[in-house]
Amino acid sequence: MRKPKKFGPYSFRSQTDLIAAIRAILHRYGLKQRVTNPEEARFLNELFKNHPEYVEKVAGRTISHFEVHPYIHGSRCFFVIFYEGGMIDFSFKPVIRALRNK
């Protein structure tokens, strides 16, 4: 039996379904493009809050929005863009590992 995955107001039947939802967003947008769908942005924000390095990555800054950028070896990665300037990468894989242990 699959174990449901929950975080914030979101719930998925399994880890596989959660990963599929994340990858769908990651590939829906072109490179260096802003995530414009408000529900997808809320979902990414809740996902990011579960990142094991969330506090260090945010470092007291305010999130403006999320974008998709190229990453290592031609892969794609979410980036958090801050109102104060600057941006930082946000891999969903550490979040999946953290949620697995909850």
C-alpha atoms as a PDB file:
ATOM      1  CA  MET A   1       0.000   0.000   0.000  1.00  0.00           C
ATOM      2  CA  ARG A   2       1.203   3.486  -0.815  1.00  0.00           C
ATOM      3  CA  LYS A   3       1.750   5.885   2.038  1.00  0.00           C
ATOM      4  CA  PRO A   4       0.110   9.304   1.467  1.00  0.00           C
ATOM      5  CA  LYS A   5       2.411  12.332   1.412  1.00  0.00           C
ATOM      6  CA  LYS A   6       1.153  15.514   3.056  1.00  0.00           C
ATOM      7  CA  PHE A   7       2.611  18.952   3.587  1.00  0.00           C
ATOM      8  CA  GLY A   8       0.777  22.183   4.184  1.00  0.00           C
ATOM      9  CA  PRO A   9      -2.674  21.923   2.564  1.00  0.00           C
ATOM     10  CA  TYR A  10      -1.393  19.473  -0.081  1.00  0.00           C
ATOM     11  CA  SER A  11      -1.851  15.732  -0.054  1.00  0.00           C
ATOM     12  CA  PHE A  12      -0.754  13.093  -2.550  1.00  0.00           C
ATOM     13  CA  ARG A  13      -1.585   9.397  -2.709  1.00  0.00           C
ATOM     14  CA  SER A  14       2.107   8.525  -2.864  1.00  0.00           C
ATOM     15  CA  GLN A  15       5.618   9.871  -3.172  1.00  0.00           C
ATOM     16  CA  THR A  16       5.461   8.962  -6.874  1.00  0.00           C
ATOM     17  CA  ASP A  17       2.407  11.219  -7.343  1.00  0.00           C
ATOM     18  CA  LEU A  18       4.118  14.059  -5.476  1.00  0.00           C
ATOM     19  CA  ILE A  19       7.252  13.801  -7.634  1.00  0.00           C
ATOM     20  CA  ALA A  20       5.112  13.715 -10.787  1.00  0.00           C
ATOM     21  CA  ALA A  21       3.348  16.937  -9.727  1.00  0.00           C
ATOM     22  CA  ILE A  22       6.684  18.665  -9.039  1.00  0.00           C
ATOM     23  CA  ARG A  23       8.195  17.548 -12.344  1.00  0.00           C
ATOM     24  CA  ALA A  24       5.088  18.690 -14.223  1.00  0.00           C
ATOM     25  CA  ILE A  25       5.641  22.232 -12.920  1.00  0.00           C
ATOM     26  CA  LEU A  26       9.387  22.039 -13.563  1.00  0.00           C
ATOM     27  CA  HIS A  27       8.809  21.164 -17.224  1.00  0.00           C
ATOM     28  CA  ARG A  28       5.759  23.363 -17.838  1.00  0.00           C
ATOM     29  CA  TYR A  29       7.913  26.505 -17.876  1.00  0.00           C
ATOM     30  CA  GLY A  30      10.770  27.448 -20.148  1.00  0.00           C
ATOM     31  CA  LEU A  31      14.247  28.069 -18.808  1.00  0.00           C
ATOM     32  CA  LYS A  32      14.652  31.321 -16.881  1.00  0.00           C
ATOM     33  CA  GLN A  33      10.873  31.657 -16.829  1.00  0.00           C
ATOM     34  CA  ARG A  34       8.836  32.710 -13.807  1.00  0.00           C
ATOM     35  CA  VAL A  35       6.256  30.326 -12.350  1.00  0.00           C
ATOM     36  CA  THR A  36       3.166  32.407 -13.053  1.00  0.00           C
ATOM     37  CA  ASN A  37       0.309  30.138 -11.994  1.00  0.00           C
ATOM     38  CA  PRO A  38      -0.661  31.289  -8.465  1.00  0.00           C
ATOM     39  CA  GLU A  39      -1.589  27.784  -7.259  1.00  0.00           C
ATOM     40  CA  GLU A  40       1.704  26.347  -8.533  1.00  0.00           C
ATOM     41  CA  ALA A  41       3.593  29.166  -6.803  1.00  0.00           C
ATOM     42  CA  ARG A  42       1.771  28.436  -3.510  1.00  0.00           C
ATOM     43  CA  PHE A  43       2.560  24.748  -3.930  1.00  0.00           C
ATOM     44  CA  LEU A  44       6.274  25.496  -4.497  1.00  0.00           C
ATOM     45  CA  ASN A  45       6.319  27.811  -1.497  1.00  0.00           C
ATOM     46  CA  GLU A  46       4.912  25.067   0.755  1.00  0.00           C
ATOM     47  CA  LEU A  47       7.325  22.565  -0.761  1.00  0.00           C
ATOM     48  CA  PHE A  48      10.268  24.913  -0.203  1.00  0.00           C
ATOM     49  CA  LYS A  49       9.271  25.389   3.457  1.00  0.00           C
ATOM     50  CA  ASN A  50       9.935  21.658   3.907  1.00  0.00           C
ATOM     51  CA  HIS A  51      13.478  21.900   2.527  1.00  0.00           C
ATOM     52  CA  PRO A  52      15.980  20.849   5.232  1.00  0.00           C
ATOM     53  CA  GLU A  53      18.012  24.022   4.554  1.00  0.00           C
ATOM     54  CA  TYR A  54      15.031  26.383   4.295  1.00  0.00           C
ATOM     55  CA  VAL A  55      16.132  28.723   7.098  1.00  0.00           C
ATOM     56  CA  GLU A  56      19.679  28.999   5.734  1.00  0.00           C
ATOM     57  CA  LYS A  57      18.486  29.458   2.163  1.00  0.00           C
ATOM     58  CA  VAL A  58      15.986  32.187   3.025  1.00  0.00           C
ATOM     59  CA  ALA A  59      18.272  33.890   5.580  1.00  0.00           C
ATOM     60  CA  GLY A  60      15.632  36.442   6.626  1.00  0.00           C
ATOM     61  CA  ARG A  61      14.812  37.508   3.064  1.00  0.00           C
ATOM     62  CA  THR A  62      11.340  37.706   1.532  1.00  0.00           C
ATOM     63  CA  ILE A  63      10.443  35.440  -1.376  1.00  0.00           C
ATOM     64  CA  SER A  64       9.267  37.257  -4.487  1.00  0.00           C
ATOM     65  CA  HIS A  65       8.663  34.311  -6.792  1.00  0.00           C
ATOM     66  CA  PHE A  66       9.992  31.057  -8.252  1.00  0.00           C
ATOM     67  CA  GLU A  67      11.673  30.485 -11.607  1.00  0.00           C
ATOM     68  CA  VAL A  68      12.947  27.475 -13.546  1.00  0.00           C
ATOM     69  CA  HIS A  69      16.640  27.630 -14.496  1.00  0.00           C
ATOM     70  CA  PRO A  70      19.167  25.327 -16.115  1.00  0.00           C
ATOM     71  CA  TYR A  71      21.272  23.381 -13.677  1.00  0.00           C
ATOM     72  CA  ILE A  72      24.040  20.797 -13.617  1.00  0.00           C
ATOM     73  CA  HIS A  73      24.432  18.567 -16.700  1.00  0.00           C
ATOM     74  CA  GLY A  74      21.484  20.095 -18.548  1.00  0.00           C
ATOM     75  CA  SER A  75      18.931  19.442 -15.824  1.00  0.00           C
ATOM     76  CA  ARG A  76      16.344  21.934 -14.598  1.00  0.00           C
ATOM     77  CA  CYS A  77      16.011  23.361 -11.115  1.00  0.00           C
ATOM     78  CA  PHE A  78      13.690  25.712  -9.270  1.00  0.00           C
ATOM     79  CA  PHE A  79      15.205  28.979  -8.124  1.00  0.00           C
ATOM     80  CA  VAL A  80      13.826  31.215  -5.413  1.00  0.00           C
ATOM     81  CA  ILE A  81      13.939  34.906  -6.311  1.00  0.00           C
ATOM     82  CA  PHE A  82      14.005  37.362  -3.410  1.00  0.00           C
ATOM     83  CA  TYR A  83      12.511  40.868  -3.242  1.00  0.00           C
ATOM     84  CA  GLU A  84      15.751  42.117  -1.726  1.00  0.00           C
ATOM     85  CA  GLY A  85      17.674  40.861  -4.739  1.00  0.00           C
ATOM     86  CA  GLY A  86      19.466  37.649  -5.362  1.00  0.00           C
ATOM     87  CA  MET A  87      18.336  34.132  -5.965  1.00  0.00           C
ATOM     88  CA  ILE A  88      19.146  30.633  -4.757  1.00  0.00           C
ATOM     89  CA  ASP A  89      18.594  27.158  -6.144  1.00  0.00           C
ATOM     90  CA  PHE A  90      15.992  24.887  -4.633  1.00  0.00           C
ATOM     91  CA  SER A  91      16.207  21.171  -5.396  1.00  0.00           C
ATOM     92  CA  PHE A  92      13.089  19.192  -4.568  1.00  0.00           C
ATOM     93  CA  LYS A  93      15.026  15.968  -3.890  1.00  0.00           C
ATOM     94  CA  PRO A  94      16.100  16.930  -0.323  1.00  0.00           C
ATOM     95  CA  VAL A  95      12.457  17.825   0.376  1.00  0.00           C
ATOM     96  CA  ILE A  96      11.321  14.391  -0.800  1.00  0.00           C
ATOM     97  CA  ARG A  97      13.878  12.744   1.496  1.00  0.00           C
ATOM     98  CA  ALA A  98      12.732  14.909   4.428  1.00  0.00           C
ATOM     99  CA  LEU A  99       9.058  14.128   3.780  1.00  0.00           C
ATOM    100  CA  ARG A 100       9.899  10.420   3.533  1.00  0.00           C
ATOM    101  CA  ASN A 101      11.200  10.544   7.090  1.00  0.00           C
ATOM    102  CA  LYS A 102       8.110  12.280   8.513  1.00  0.00           C
END
